[in-house]
Amino acid sequence: MKIDLDESGELRDYISVPAGSYVCRITEIRAGATRAGDERWSMKLVVAEGQHVGKQAAWDSLVFSARGRGRARLVLHALGLPCSGTVELQPSDLEGRHALVEIRPAEYQTPAGGVVRRNEVPYDGYRPVEMEPATAVAAPAQAAPPPPRAPRRQPPPGPVDVNELPF
């Protein structure tokens, strides 16, 4: 076997679910700031339904800058939160919320020459999803009235001639 031990071809793979759209729940918010000083909330997205339930789908961020406002509106709308006008939001307002989220793989090279693979969410990768409230109780179904019965055919009057039977 021949291997170059000085080569820094380190691969870090953080992809835990394949590309696709998943109903995801926001389980954690980390508030911070961008290099430019704008407020940024990093959101941990966990698959809430289906084959990969419980797996981390991706980390995504909302940036509350003039440039990031359009995407913030899209994400807030998908999460069922106010998305127009002046709103007062806290990171905790997003925790536990659900959305249909498009997940796709991304790969980038580190300054040291390694490769990192992770999942990302595209700019418009959020859609609202209708979730059944856990406490909702279905109304009892009303029994539909039975369909009206067809009238019974009355036998013809008089004796039956077996030669006139259709079979």
N, C-alpha and C. Protein backbone atom coordinates (compact mmCIF):
# COMPACT_ATOMS: atom_id res chain seq x y z
N MET A 1 0.85 -1.17 0.00
CA MET A 1 0.00 0.00 0.00
C MET A 1 0.89 1.23 0.00
N LYS A 2 0.50 2.22 -0.80
CA LYS A 2 1.23 3.47 -0.86
C LYS A 2 0.27 4.60 -0.50
N ILE A 3 0.66 5.45 0.48
CA ILE A 3 -0.19 6.55 0.92
C ILE A 3 0.69 7.74 1.28
N ASP A 4 0.25 8.93 0.90
CA ASP A 4 0.97 10.15 1.23
C ASP A 4 0.39 10.67 2.54
N LEU A 5 1.11 10.53 3.62
CA LEU A 5 0.63 10.92 4.94
C LEU A 5 0.67 12.44 5.14
N ASP A 6 1.32 13.17 4.25
CA ASP A 6 1.37 14.62 4.35
C ASP A 6 0.19 15.28 3.66
N GLU A 7 -0.53 14.53 2.84
CA GLU A 7 -1.68 15.09 2.13
C GLU A 7 -2.80 15.35 3.12
N SER A 8 -3.41 16.53 3.04
CA SER A 8 -4.48 16.85 3.98
C SER A 8 -5.83 16.73 3.29
N GLY A 9 -6.13 15.56 2.81
CA GLY A 9 -7.39 15.31 2.12
C GLY A 9 -8.47 14.86 3.08
N GLU A 10 -8.49 15.45 4.27
CA GLU A 10 -9.46 15.08 5.28
C GLU A 10 -10.89 15.36 4.78
N LEU A 11 -11.77 14.39 4.99
CA LEU A 11 -13.16 14.52 4.60
C LEU A 11 -14.01 14.48 5.86
N ARG A 12 -14.80 15.51 6.06
CA ARG A 12 -15.75 15.53 7.17
C ARG A 12 -17.14 15.54 6.55
N ASP A 13 -17.89 14.48 6.81
CA ASP A 13 -19.21 14.30 6.20
C ASP A 13 -20.27 14.43 7.29
N TYR A 14 -21.09 15.48 7.20
CA TYR A 14 -22.15 15.73 8.18
C TYR A 14 -23.53 15.51 7.58
N ILE A 15 -23.61 14.84 6.47
CA ILE A 15 -24.90 14.58 5.83
C ILE A 15 -25.56 13.38 6.51
N SER A 16 -26.74 13.62 7.12
CA SER A 16 -27.42 12.54 7.83
C SER A 16 -28.72 12.11 7.18
N VAL A 17 -29.24 12.91 6.24
CA VAL A 17 -30.43 12.54 5.48
C VAL A 17 -30.17 12.86 4.02
N PRO A 18 -30.71 12.06 3.10
CA PRO A 18 -30.50 12.34 1.67
C PRO A 18 -31.28 13.59 1.23
N ALA A 19 -30.91 14.10 0.08
CA ALA A 19 -31.60 15.27 -0.48
C ALA A 19 -33.08 14.97 -0.61
N GLY A 20 -33.90 15.99 -0.38
CA GLY A 20 -35.35 15.83 -0.49
C GLY A 20 -36.05 16.88 0.33
N SER A 21 -37.37 16.80 0.37
CA SER A 21 -38.18 17.72 1.18
C SER A 21 -38.72 16.96 2.37
N TYR A 22 -38.58 17.56 3.54
CA TYR A 22 -38.96 16.92 4.80
C TYR A 22 -39.77 17.89 5.65
N VAL A 23 -40.73 17.35 6.40
CA VAL A 23 -41.37 18.14 7.44
C VAL A 23 -40.35 18.20 8.57
N CYS A 24 -39.89 19.42 8.87
CA CYS A 24 -38.86 19.60 9.89
C CYS A 24 -39.39 20.46 11.03
N ARG A 25 -38.84 20.21 12.21
CA ARG A 25 -39.15 20.97 13.41
C ARG A 25 -37.88 21.72 13.82
N ILE A 26 -38.03 22.95 14.22
CA ILE A 26 -36.89 23.72 14.73
C ILE A 26 -36.72 23.33 16.18
N THR A 27 -35.56 22.75 16.51
CA THR A 27 -35.35 22.26 17.87
C THR A 27 -34.40 23.13 18.67
N GLU A 28 -33.66 23.99 18.00
CA GLU A 28 -32.70 24.83 18.72
C GLU A 28 -32.44 26.09 17.91
N ILE A 29 -32.29 27.20 18.61
CA ILE A 29 -31.94 28.48 17.97
C ILE A 29 -30.71 29.02 18.69
N ARG A 30 -29.73 29.41 17.89
CA ARG A 30 -28.53 30.06 18.44
C ARG A 30 -28.48 31.48 17.89
N ALA A 31 -28.67 32.45 18.76
CA ALA A 31 -28.64 33.85 18.35
C ALA A 31 -27.19 34.31 18.28
N GLY A 32 -26.88 35.08 17.26
CA GLY A 32 -25.53 35.60 17.08
C GLY A 32 -25.56 36.78 16.14
N ALA A 33 -24.40 37.07 15.56
CA ALA A 33 -24.29 38.19 14.63
C ALA A 33 -23.39 37.81 13.48
N THR A 34 -23.63 38.45 12.33
CA THR A 34 -22.78 38.26 11.17
C THR A 34 -21.52 39.10 11.34
N ARG A 35 -20.56 38.93 10.45
CA ARG A 35 -19.34 39.76 10.49
C ARG A 35 -19.66 41.24 10.34
N ALA A 36 -20.75 41.53 9.61
CA ALA A 36 -21.16 42.93 9.41
C ALA A 36 -21.93 43.48 10.61
N GLY A 37 -22.21 42.63 11.59
CA GLY A 37 -22.90 43.09 12.80
C GLY A 37 -24.40 42.91 12.78
N ASP A 38 -24.96 42.30 11.72
CA ASP A 38 -26.41 42.07 11.67
C ASP A 38 -26.77 40.86 12.52
N GLU A 39 -27.97 40.92 13.11
CA GLU A 39 -28.43 39.81 13.94
C GLU A 39 -28.68 38.58 13.08
N ARG A 40 -28.22 37.41 13.58
CA ARG A 40 -28.39 36.14 12.87
C ARG A 40 -28.85 35.10 13.87
N TRP A 41 -29.88 34.35 13.47
CA TRP A 41 -30.36 33.23 14.27
C TRP A 41 -30.08 31.95 13.50
N SER A 42 -29.29 31.07 14.06
CA SER A 42 -29.01 29.76 13.45
C SER A 42 -30.03 28.77 14.00
N MET A 43 -30.64 28.01 13.09
CA MET A 43 -31.74 27.11 13.46
C MET A 43 -31.36 25.66 13.17
N LYS A 44 -31.52 24.82 14.14
CA LYS A 44 -31.31 23.38 13.95
C LYS A 44 -32.63 22.77 13.48
N LEU A 45 -32.59 22.14 12.30
CA LEU A 45 -33.78 21.53 11.70
C LEU A 45 -33.70 20.02 11.87
N VAL A 46 -34.71 19.43 12.48
CA VAL A 46 -34.78 17.99 12.72
C VAL A 46 -36.00 17.44 12.01
N VAL A 47 -35.84 16.32 11.32
CA VAL A 47 -36.94 15.69 10.58
C VAL A 47 -38.02 15.27 11.58
N ALA A 48 -39.26 15.66 11.30
CA ALA A 48 -40.37 15.41 12.22
C ALA A 48 -41.29 14.27 11.80
N GLU A 49 -41.20 13.83 10.54
CA GLU A 49 -42.08 12.77 10.05
C GLU A 49 -41.31 11.88 9.08
N GLY A 50 -41.80 10.66 8.93
CA GLY A 50 -41.28 9.78 7.89
C GLY A 50 -40.11 8.92 8.32
N GLN A 51 -39.44 8.37 7.33
CA GLN A 51 -38.37 7.39 7.54
C GLN A 51 -37.21 7.93 8.37
N HIS A 52 -36.89 9.21 8.24
CA HIS A 52 -35.72 9.78 8.91
C HIS A 52 -36.09 10.60 10.15
N VAL A 53 -37.26 10.35 10.73
CA VAL A 53 -37.73 11.11 11.88
C VAL A 53 -36.67 11.10 12.99
N GLY A 54 -36.44 12.28 13.57
CA GLY A 54 -35.47 12.41 14.65
C GLY A 54 -34.06 12.73 14.22
N LYS A 55 -33.78 12.61 12.93
CA LYS A 55 -32.43 12.91 12.44
C LYS A 55 -32.29 14.40 12.14
N GLN A 56 -31.10 14.91 12.38
CA GLN A 56 -30.83 16.31 12.03
C GLN A 56 -30.79 16.44 10.53
N ALA A 57 -31.60 17.34 9.98
CA ALA A 57 -31.63 17.55 8.54
C ALA A 57 -30.58 18.56 8.13
N ALA A 58 -30.47 19.67 8.88
CA ALA A 58 -29.53 20.72 8.53
C ALA A 58 -29.53 21.79 9.61
N TRP A 59 -28.55 22.66 9.54
CA TRP A 59 -28.55 23.94 10.25
C TRP A 59 -28.78 25.00 9.20
N ASP A 60 -29.61 25.96 9.49
CA ASP A 60 -29.86 27.07 8.57
C ASP A 60 -29.91 28.35 9.38
N SER A 61 -29.75 29.48 8.71
CA SER A 61 -29.72 30.76 9.43
C SER A 61 -30.68 31.77 8.84
N LEU A 62 -31.20 32.60 9.70
CA LEU A 62 -31.96 33.78 9.32
C LEU A 62 -31.11 34.99 9.66
N VAL A 63 -30.92 35.86 8.69
CA VAL A 63 -30.16 37.08 8.92
C VAL A 63 -31.13 38.25 8.82
N PHE A 64 -31.15 39.07 9.86
CA PHE A 64 -32.08 40.19 9.92
C PHE A 64 -31.37 41.48 9.49
N SER A 65 -31.02 41.50 8.22
CA SER A 65 -30.40 42.67 7.61
C SER A 65 -31.33 43.15 6.50
N ALA A 66 -31.01 44.28 5.90
CA ALA A 66 -31.81 44.76 4.78
C ALA A 66 -31.80 43.72 3.66
N ARG A 67 -30.66 43.13 3.42
CA ARG A 67 -30.53 42.14 2.35
C ARG A 67 -31.21 40.81 2.70
N GLY A 68 -31.21 40.42 3.98
CA GLY A 68 -31.78 39.14 4.40
C GLY A 68 -33.25 39.18 4.73
N ARG A 69 -33.85 40.37 4.69
CA ARG A 69 -35.25 40.52 5.08
C ARG A 69 -36.21 39.71 4.21
N GLY A 70 -35.96 39.64 2.91
CA GLY A 70 -36.85 38.90 2.02
C GLY A 70 -36.91 37.42 2.39
N ARG A 71 -35.76 36.83 2.64
CA ARG A 71 -35.75 35.41 3.02
C ARG A 71 -36.38 35.22 4.40
N ALA A 72 -36.11 36.16 5.30
CA ALA A 72 -36.71 36.06 6.63
C ALA A 72 -38.23 36.03 6.52
N ARG A 73 -38.79 36.85 5.63
CA ARG A 73 -40.26 36.85 5.43
C ARG A 73 -40.73 35.48 4.94
N LEU A 74 -40.01 34.90 3.98
CA LEU A 74 -40.39 33.57 3.45
C LEU A 74 -40.40 32.52 4.56
N VAL A 75 -39.35 32.51 5.37
CA VAL A 75 -39.22 31.50 6.42
C VAL A 75 -40.28 31.72 7.50
N LEU A 76 -40.46 32.96 7.93
CA LEU A 76 -41.46 33.24 8.96
C LEU A 76 -42.86 32.85 8.49
N HIS A 77 -43.17 33.15 7.22
CA HIS A 77 -44.47 32.75 6.66
C HIS A 77 -44.63 31.23 6.72
N ALA A 78 -43.62 30.50 6.29
CA ALA A 78 -43.70 29.04 6.29
C ALA A 78 -43.87 28.48 7.70
N LEU A 79 -43.33 29.18 8.69
CA LEU A 79 -43.44 28.73 10.08
C LEU A 79 -44.73 29.18 10.75
N GLY A 80 -45.56 29.94 10.01
CA GLY A 80 -46.82 30.39 10.57
C GLY A 80 -46.69 31.58 11.50
N LEU A 81 -45.64 32.37 11.33
CA LEU A 81 -45.41 33.55 12.16
C LEU A 81 -45.69 34.81 11.35
N PRO A 82 -45.91 35.95 12.01
CA PRO A 82 -46.13 37.20 11.27
C PRO A 82 -44.96 37.48 10.33
N CYS A 83 -45.28 37.90 9.12
CA CYS A 83 -44.22 38.09 8.12
C CYS A 83 -44.33 39.41 7.38
N SER A 84 -45.05 40.37 7.95
CA SER A 84 -45.13 41.69 7.33
C SER A 84 -45.31 42.73 8.43
N GLY A 85 -44.99 43.96 8.09
CA GLY A 85 -45.11 45.03 9.06
C GLY A 85 -44.03 44.95 10.12
N THR A 86 -44.24 45.66 11.19
CA THR A 86 -43.30 45.64 12.31
C THR A 86 -43.72 44.53 13.27
N VAL A 87 -42.81 43.62 13.54
CA VAL A 87 -43.12 42.49 14.43
C VAL A 87 -42.06 42.42 15.53
N GLU A 88 -42.45 41.87 16.64
CA GLU A 88 -41.54 41.63 17.76
C GLU A 88 -41.36 40.12 17.86
N LEU A 89 -40.15 39.65 17.63
CA LEU A 89 -39.86 38.22 17.67
C LEU A 89 -38.71 37.92 18.61
N GLN A 90 -38.79 36.76 19.22
CA GLN A 90 -37.70 36.23 20.04
C GLN A 90 -37.30 34.88 19.43
N PRO A 91 -36.05 34.45 19.60
CA PRO A 91 -35.66 33.13 19.07
C PRO A 91 -36.58 32.02 19.55
N SER A 92 -37.05 32.11 20.78
CA SER A 92 -37.93 31.05 21.31
C SER A 92 -39.25 30.96 20.56
N ASP A 93 -39.66 32.03 19.85
CA ASP A 93 -40.90 31.99 19.07
C ASP A 93 -40.81 31.00 17.91
N LEU A 94 -39.61 30.67 17.47
CA LEU A 94 -39.42 29.76 16.35
C LEU A 94 -39.28 28.30 16.80
N GLU A 95 -38.82 28.09 18.02
CA GLU A 95 -38.60 26.73 18.51
C GLU A 95 -39.89 25.93 18.53
N GLY A 96 -39.82 24.70 18.03
CA GLY A 96 -40.98 23.82 17.98
C GLY A 96 -41.86 24.01 16.76
N ARG A 97 -41.60 25.02 15.96
CA ARG A 97 -42.39 25.27 14.75
C ARG A 97 -42.00 24.28 13.66
N HIS A 98 -42.94 24.01 12.75
CA HIS A 98 -42.74 23.06 11.66
C HIS A 98 -42.86 23.74 10.30
N ALA A 99 -42.14 23.21 9.31
CA ALA A 99 -42.26 23.65 7.93
C ALA A 99 -41.81 22.50 7.03
N LEU A 100 -42.24 22.54 5.79
CA LEU A 100 -41.75 21.60 4.78
C LEU A 100 -40.48 22.23 4.23
N VAL A 101 -39.34 21.56 4.43
CA VAL A 101 -38.04 22.14 4.13
C VAL A 101 -37.32 21.30 3.07
N GLU A 102 -36.82 21.98 2.05
CA GLU A 102 -36.03 21.32 1.02
C GLU A 102 -34.59 21.23 1.50
N ILE A 103 -34.05 20.03 1.47
CA ILE A 103 -32.68 19.78 1.93
C ILE A 103 -31.86 19.31 0.73
N ARG A 104 -30.66 19.88 0.59
CA ARG A 104 -29.77 19.44 -0.49
C ARG A 104 -28.34 19.41 0.03
N PRO A 105 -27.52 18.53 -0.53
CA PRO A 105 -26.13 18.45 -0.07
C PRO A 105 -25.29 19.61 -0.60
N ALA A 106 -24.30 19.99 0.18
CA ALA A 106 -23.33 21.02 -0.22
C ALA A 106 -21.96 20.54 0.19
N GLU A 107 -20.97 20.97 -0.54
CA GLU A 107 -19.60 20.55 -0.25
C GLU A 107 -18.70 21.77 -0.42
N TYR A 108 -17.77 21.95 0.51
CA TYR A 108 -16.81 23.04 0.35
C TYR A 108 -15.46 22.60 0.89
N GLN A 109 -14.44 23.32 0.47
CA GLN A 109 -13.08 23.00 0.86
C GLN A 109 -12.63 23.95 1.96
N THR A 110 -12.01 23.39 2.99
CA THR A 110 -11.51 24.20 4.10
C THR A 110 -10.18 24.83 3.71
N PRO A 111 -9.76 25.88 4.41
CA PRO A 111 -8.45 26.48 4.12
C PRO A 111 -7.29 25.49 4.26
N ALA A 112 -7.45 24.46 5.08
CA ALA A 112 -6.40 23.46 5.27
C ALA A 112 -6.42 22.41 4.16
N GLY A 113 -7.37 22.49 3.24
CA GLY A 113 -7.42 21.55 2.13
C GLY A 113 -8.38 20.40 2.32
N GLY A 114 -9.03 20.31 3.47
CA GLY A 114 -10.01 19.25 3.69
C GLY A 114 -11.32 19.58 3.01
N VAL A 115 -12.18 18.59 2.97
CA VAL A 115 -13.50 18.75 2.35
C VAL A 115 -14.56 18.52 3.42
N VAL A 116 -15.54 19.41 3.44
CA VAL A 116 -16.66 19.29 4.36
C VAL A 116 -17.93 19.12 3.55
N ARG A 117 -18.70 18.10 3.87
CA ARG A 117 -20.01 17.87 3.27
C ARG A 117 -21.07 18.08 4.34
N ARG A 118 -22.09 18.83 3.97
CA ARG A 118 -23.20 19.07 4.90
C ARG A 118 -24.46 19.33 4.09
N ASN A 119 -25.58 19.32 4.76
CA ASN A 119 -26.84 19.65 4.10
C ASN A 119 -27.10 21.14 4.24
N GLU A 120 -27.77 21.71 3.23
CA GLU A 120 -28.15 23.11 3.28
C GLU A 120 -29.58 23.25 2.80
N VAL A 121 -30.15 24.43 3.06
CA VAL A 121 -31.50 24.76 2.63
C VAL A 121 -31.37 25.88 1.60
N PRO A 122 -31.95 25.73 0.41
CA PRO A 122 -31.88 26.82 -0.57
C PRO A 122 -32.66 28.05 -0.09
N TYR A 123 -32.43 29.17 -0.75
CA TYR A 123 -33.05 30.45 -0.39
C TYR A 123 -34.55 30.31 -0.19
N ASP A 124 -35.24 29.68 -1.14
CA ASP A 124 -36.70 29.54 -1.07
C ASP A 124 -37.11 28.13 -0.70
N GLY A 125 -36.36 27.48 0.18
CA GLY A 125 -36.58 26.08 0.51
C GLY A 125 -37.57 25.81 1.62
N TYR A 126 -38.37 26.78 2.01
CA TYR A 126 -39.35 26.58 3.08
C TYR A 126 -40.76 26.72 2.53
N ARG A 127 -41.65 25.83 2.97
CA ARG A 127 -43.07 25.88 2.62
C ARG A 127 -43.89 25.63 3.89
N PRO A 128 -45.06 26.25 3.99
CA PRO A 128 -45.94 25.95 5.14
C PRO A 128 -46.40 24.50 5.08
N VAL A 129 -46.64 23.94 6.22
CA VAL A 129 -47.17 22.57 6.30
C VAL A 129 -48.29 22.59 7.33
N GLU A 130 -49.36 21.90 7.01
CA GLU A 130 -50.48 21.80 7.94
C GLU A 130 -50.20 20.66 8.90
N MET A 131 -50.07 20.98 10.16
CA MET A 131 -49.83 19.96 11.19
C MET A 131 -51.12 19.80 12.00
N GLU A 132 -51.43 18.57 12.32
CA GLU A 132 -52.58 18.30 13.17
C GLU A 132 -52.18 18.64 14.60
N PRO A 133 -52.92 19.52 15.28
CA PRO A 133 -52.59 19.78 16.67
C PRO A 133 -52.72 18.50 17.49
N ALA A 134 -51.79 18.27 18.37
CA ALA A 134 -51.78 17.04 19.17
C ALA A 134 -52.99 16.95 20.08
N THR A 135 -53.54 18.10 20.45
CA THR A 135 -54.66 18.08 21.38
C THR A 135 -56.01 18.10 20.68
N ALA A 136 -56.01 18.17 19.37
CA ALA A 136 -57.28 18.24 18.65
C ALA A 136 -58.03 16.93 18.77
N VAL A 137 -59.32 17.03 18.97
CA VAL A 137 -60.17 15.85 19.04
C VAL A 137 -61.10 15.90 17.85
N ALA A 138 -61.11 14.85 17.09
CA ALA A 138 -61.96 14.82 15.91
C ALA A 138 -63.42 14.77 16.33
N ALA A 139 -64.24 15.52 15.63
CA ALA A 139 -65.68 15.49 15.90
C ALA A 139 -66.22 14.13 15.49
N PRO A 140 -67.17 13.62 16.27
CA PRO A 140 -67.71 12.31 15.89
C PRO A 140 -68.40 12.41 14.54
N ALA A 141 -68.17 11.40 13.75
CA ALA A 141 -68.75 11.38 12.41
C ALA A 141 -70.25 11.16 12.52
N GLN A 142 -71.00 11.91 11.74
CA GLN A 142 -72.44 11.74 11.69
C GLN A 142 -72.74 10.60 10.72
N ALA A 143 -73.58 9.70 11.16
CA ALA A 143 -73.94 8.58 10.30
C ALA A 143 -74.80 9.11 9.16
N ALA A 144 -74.42 8.79 7.96
CA ALA A 144 -75.20 9.22 6.80
C ALA A 144 -76.47 8.39 6.71
N PRO A 145 -77.56 9.00 6.30
CA PRO A 145 -78.79 8.20 6.18
C PRO A 145 -78.60 7.15 5.08
N PRO A 146 -79.22 6.01 5.26
CA PRO A 146 -79.07 4.98 4.24
C PRO A 146 -79.68 5.44 2.92
N PRO A 147 -79.12 4.98 1.81
CA PRO A 147 -79.69 5.38 0.52
C PRO A 147 -81.10 4.81 0.38
N PRO A 148 -81.95 5.52 -0.36
CA PRO A 148 -83.33 5.00 -0.51
C PRO A 148 -83.31 3.66 -1.23
N ARG A 149 -84.20 2.81 -0.82
CA ARG A 149 -84.29 1.48 -1.43
C ARG A 149 -85.06 1.55 -2.74
N ALA A 150 -84.62 0.74 -3.66
CA ALA A 150 -85.35 0.65 -4.93
C ALA A 150 -86.66 -0.08 -4.65
N PRO A 151 -87.71 0.32 -5.33
CA PRO A 151 -88.98 -0.38 -5.11
C PRO A 151 -88.87 -1.83 -5.56
N ARG A 152 -89.53 -2.69 -4.84
CA ARG A 152 -89.51 -4.12 -5.19
C ARG A 152 -90.41 -4.35 -6.39
N ARG A 153 -89.92 -5.21 -7.25
CA ARG A 153 -90.75 -5.56 -8.40
C ARG A 153 -91.83 -6.52 -7.94
N GLN A 154 -93.00 -6.25 -8.36
CA GLN A 154 -94.12 -7.12 -8.03
C GLN A 154 -94.22 -8.21 -9.10
N PRO A 155 -94.48 -9.44 -8.65
CA PRO A 155 -94.63 -10.49 -9.66
C PRO A 155 -95.85 -10.20 -10.53
N PRO A 156 -95.77 -10.59 -11.78
CA PRO A 156 -96.94 -10.36 -12.64
C PRO A 156 -98.15 -11.14 -12.11
N PRO A 157 -99.33 -10.59 -12.31
CA PRO A 157 -100.51 -11.30 -11.82
C PRO A 157 -100.74 -12.60 -12.61
N GLY A 158 -101.26 -13.55 -11.96
CA GLY A 158 -101.60 -14.81 -12.62
C GLY A 158 -100.48 -15.82 -12.59
N PRO A 159 -100.69 -16.96 -13.20
CA PRO A 159 -99.69 -18.04 -13.19
C PRO A 159 -98.48 -17.68 -14.05
N VAL A 160 -97.32 -18.24 -13.70
CA VAL A 160 -96.06 -17.98 -14.41
C VAL A 160 -95.87 -19.08 -15.43
N ASP A 161 -95.59 -18.65 -16.70
CA ASP A 161 -95.32 -19.60 -17.77
C ASP A 161 -93.80 -19.76 -17.83
N VAL A 162 -93.26 -20.95 -17.59
CA VAL A 162 -91.82 -21.20 -17.57
C VAL A 162 -91.19 -20.94 -18.93
N ASN A 163 -91.93 -20.95 -20.01
CA ASN A 163 -91.41 -20.67 -21.34
C ASN A 163 -91.13 -19.16 -21.54
N GLU A 164 -91.68 -18.31 -20.66
CA GLU A 164 -91.49 -16.87 -20.79
C GLU A 164 -90.37 -16.36 -19.88
N LEU A 165 -89.74 -17.20 -19.12
CA LEU A 165 -88.64 -16.78 -18.25
C LEU A 165 -87.42 -16.42 -19.12
N PRO A 166 -86.70 -15.34 -18.78
CA PRO A 166 -85.58 -14.89 -19.61
C PRO A 166 -84.33 -15.74 -19.50
N PHE A 167 -84.28 -16.73 -18.69
CA PHE A 167 -83.08 -17.55 -18.57
C PHE A 167 -83.34 -19.01 -18.68
